[in-house]
Amino acid sequence: MGFRDGAFATVWEITEERNNFAKVRISTRRKDKKTEEYITDFSGFVSFVGNAFKKIDDIRDTLGDHGRCRIKLSACDVSSRYDKAAGREYINFTVFDFTFPQENGSGDDNKSSGKKADNAKTAGKTKTSPPPLEDDDETNDEESVPF
């Protein structure tokens, strides 16, 4: 799925934090249509600013419990700058806002409501859920690094 608005991402660690800025290591995956396996699409360090930084404590709480945290990117940006003296291009990834998958309505709220009219309106319209957090191979090897 890549690093873009609406992508589901896994947060692995918060490496640096300042007054209004945090550096966070995330990754995204996509399913390969030929092999049916999940492939890491993006893995790297991104800056969390604005509303994303305000929610950093929620991520920290989840990381403490599970070692990783799933989020859905809401507002993000990619920018680059070229340093002529160093002869190097720097690419900056920034997240301005995100939601937790439970917040965006991907839960089972319609099943418990019992409203047939609402279910009729949404018949045939299903949301795809993000890939599970568990490792995909049958050996259940736990990896501490997503790539």
Protein backbone atom coordinates (compact mmCIF):
# COMPACT_ATOMS: atom_id res chain seq x y z
CA MET A 1 0.00 0.00 0.00
CA GLY A 2 2.94 2.33 0.55
CA PHE A 3 3.31 5.50 2.56
CA ARG A 4 0.17 7.50 1.73
CA ASP A 5 -3.08 8.84 3.16
CA GLY A 6 -5.41 5.99 4.09
CA ALA A 7 -2.65 3.38 4.38
CA PHE A 8 -2.49 1.09 7.39
CA ALA A 9 0.90 1.13 9.09
CA THR A 10 2.60 -0.66 11.94
CA VAL A 11 4.46 1.50 14.46
CA TRP A 12 7.50 -0.30 15.86
CA GLU A 13 9.20 2.26 18.08
CA ILE A 14 9.45 5.91 19.04
CA THR A 15 13.13 6.79 18.76
CA GLU A 16 13.26 10.49 19.48
CA GLU A 17 10.89 13.00 21.02
CA ARG A 18 11.06 16.77 21.43
CA ASN A 19 8.57 19.48 22.40
CA ASN A 20 6.37 19.19 19.27
CA PHE A 21 8.04 16.47 17.23
CA ALA A 22 8.65 12.71 17.41
CA LYS A 23 10.69 10.41 15.18
CA VAL A 24 8.88 7.08 14.77
CA ARG A 25 9.79 3.87 12.94
CA ILE A 26 6.86 2.51 10.91
CA SER A 27 6.27 0.02 8.11
CA THR A 28 3.51 -0.74 5.62
CA ARG A 29 2.81 -4.00 3.79
CA ARG A 30 0.91 -5.13 0.72
CA LYS A 31 -0.19 -8.53 -0.47
CA ASP A 32 1.63 -9.89 -3.52
CA LYS A 33 -1.07 -11.13 -5.91
CA LYS A 34 1.15 -13.87 -7.36
CA THR A 35 2.51 -15.42 -4.18
CA GLU A 36 -0.31 -14.38 -1.76
CA GLU A 37 2.38 -13.32 0.73
CA TYR A 38 2.72 -9.95 2.41
CA ILE A 39 5.64 -7.80 1.28
CA THR A 40 7.02 -4.80 3.13
CA ASP A 41 6.19 -1.81 0.97
CA PHE A 42 7.68 0.94 3.14
CA SER A 43 9.87 0.82 6.20
CA GLY A 44 11.55 3.81 7.73
CA PHE A 45 11.59 6.68 10.14
CA VAL A 46 8.92 9.36 9.89
CA SER A 47 8.26 12.57 11.76
CA PHE A 48 5.05 12.87 13.78
CA VAL A 49 3.93 16.48 14.16
CA GLY A 50 0.68 18.32 14.93
CA ASN A 51 -2.24 16.04 15.84
CA ALA A 52 -0.11 12.95 15.30
CA PHE A 53 2.34 14.17 17.96
CA LYS A 54 -0.55 14.88 20.36
CA LYS A 55 -1.52 11.18 20.13
CA ILE A 56 2.02 9.89 20.71
CA ASP A 57 1.21 8.85 24.30
CA ASP A 58 -1.57 6.56 23.00
CA ILE A 59 0.96 4.89 20.71
CA ARG A 60 3.46 4.59 23.55
CA ASP A 61 0.83 2.86 25.72
CA THR A 62 0.05 0.34 22.98
CA LEU A 63 3.73 -0.26 22.22
CA GLY A 64 4.30 -1.07 25.89
CA ASP A 65 1.54 -3.69 25.82
CA HIS A 66 2.18 -5.31 22.43
CA GLY A 67 5.55 -4.14 21.08
CA ARG A 68 3.84 -2.68 18.02
CA CYS A 69 0.82 -0.58 17.17
CA ARG A 70 -1.47 -0.41 14.10
CA ILE A 71 -2.55 2.99 12.79
CA LYS A 72 -4.25 4.35 9.69
CA LEU A 73 -2.49 7.37 8.19
CA SER A 74 -4.88 10.30 7.76
CA ALA A 75 -2.67 13.17 6.69
CA CYS A 76 0.92 12.73 5.60
CA ASP A 77 3.50 14.24 3.30
CA VAL A 78 6.71 13.34 1.51
CA SER A 79 9.22 16.04 0.67
CA SER A 80 12.80 16.07 -0.54
CA ARG A 81 15.70 18.47 -0.64
CA TYR A 82 19.04 18.26 -2.37
CA ASP A 83 22.19 19.35 -0.52
CA LYS A 84 24.52 20.48 -3.29
CA ALA A 85 27.57 20.68 -1.00
CA ALA A 86 27.12 17.12 0.23
CA GLY A 87 25.88 15.85 -3.13
CA ARG A 88 23.00 14.07 -1.42
CA GLU A 89 19.23 14.11 -1.55
CA TYR A 90 17.28 13.99 1.72
CA ILE A 91 13.73 12.61 1.72
CA ASN A 92 11.48 13.56 4.63
CA PHE A 93 8.35 11.63 5.60
CA THR A 94 5.90 13.47 7.85
CA VAL A 95 2.66 12.32 9.48
CA PHE A 96 0.30 15.10 10.55
CA ASP A 97 -2.60 12.95 11.74
CA PHE A 98 -3.70 9.32 12.02
CA THR A 99 -6.45 7.21 13.52
CA PHE A 100 -6.44 3.88 15.25
CA PRO A 101 -8.27 1.22 13.19
CA GLN A 102 -10.99 0.95 15.87
CA GLU A 103 -11.77 4.69 15.52
CA ASN A 104 -12.51 4.69 11.78
CA GLY A 105 -15.55 2.41 11.88
CA SER A 106 -13.82 -0.80 10.82
CA GLY A 107 -15.21 -2.65 13.84
CA ASP A 108 -18.31 -4.83 14.06
CA ASP A 109 -20.70 -2.00 14.99
CA ASN A 110 -23.28 -2.89 12.30
CA LYS A 111 -23.58 -6.50 13.49
CA SER A 112 -24.71 -5.52 16.97
CA SER A 113 -27.11 -2.74 15.94
CA GLY A 114 -29.75 -5.06 14.49
CA LYS A 115 -30.99 -2.45 11.99
CA LYS A 116 -31.96 -4.23 8.79
CA ALA A 117 -32.45 -0.97 6.89
CA ASP A 118 -28.87 0.10 7.56
CA ASN A 119 -27.58 -3.32 6.57
CA ALA A 120 -29.61 -3.19 3.33
CA LYS A 121 -28.02 0.13 2.42
CA THR A 122 -24.55 -1.29 2.86
CA ALA A 123 -25.24 -4.67 1.25
CA GLY A 124 -22.50 -5.49 -1.22
CA LYS A 125 -20.29 -2.72 0.16
CA THR A 126 -17.66 -4.32 2.34
CA LYS A 127 -14.60 -2.68 3.76
CA THR A 128 -11.37 -4.56 3.48
CA SER A 129 -9.68 -5.06 6.79
CA PRO A 130 -5.94 -4.52 7.25
CA PRO A 131 -3.67 -7.55 7.35
CA PRO A 132 -3.37 -9.22 10.76
CA LEU A 133 -0.54 -8.31 13.07
CA GLU A 134 0.49 -11.93 13.49
CA ASP A 135 3.36 -13.29 11.44
CA ASP A 136 2.10 -14.78 8.19
CA ASP A 137 4.24 -17.91 8.02
CA GLU A 138 3.21 -21.13 9.75
CA THR A 139 6.35 -21.38 11.84
CA ASN A 140 5.30 -18.31 13.91
CA ASP A 141 8.86 -17.06 14.12
CA GLU A 142 8.80 -13.78 15.98
CA GLU A 143 10.87 -11.09 14.35
CA SER A 144 11.83 -7.95 16.16
CA VAL A 145 12.43 -6.07 12.91
CA PRO A 146 9.76 -5.66 10.24
CA PHE A 147 12.17 -5.88 7.30
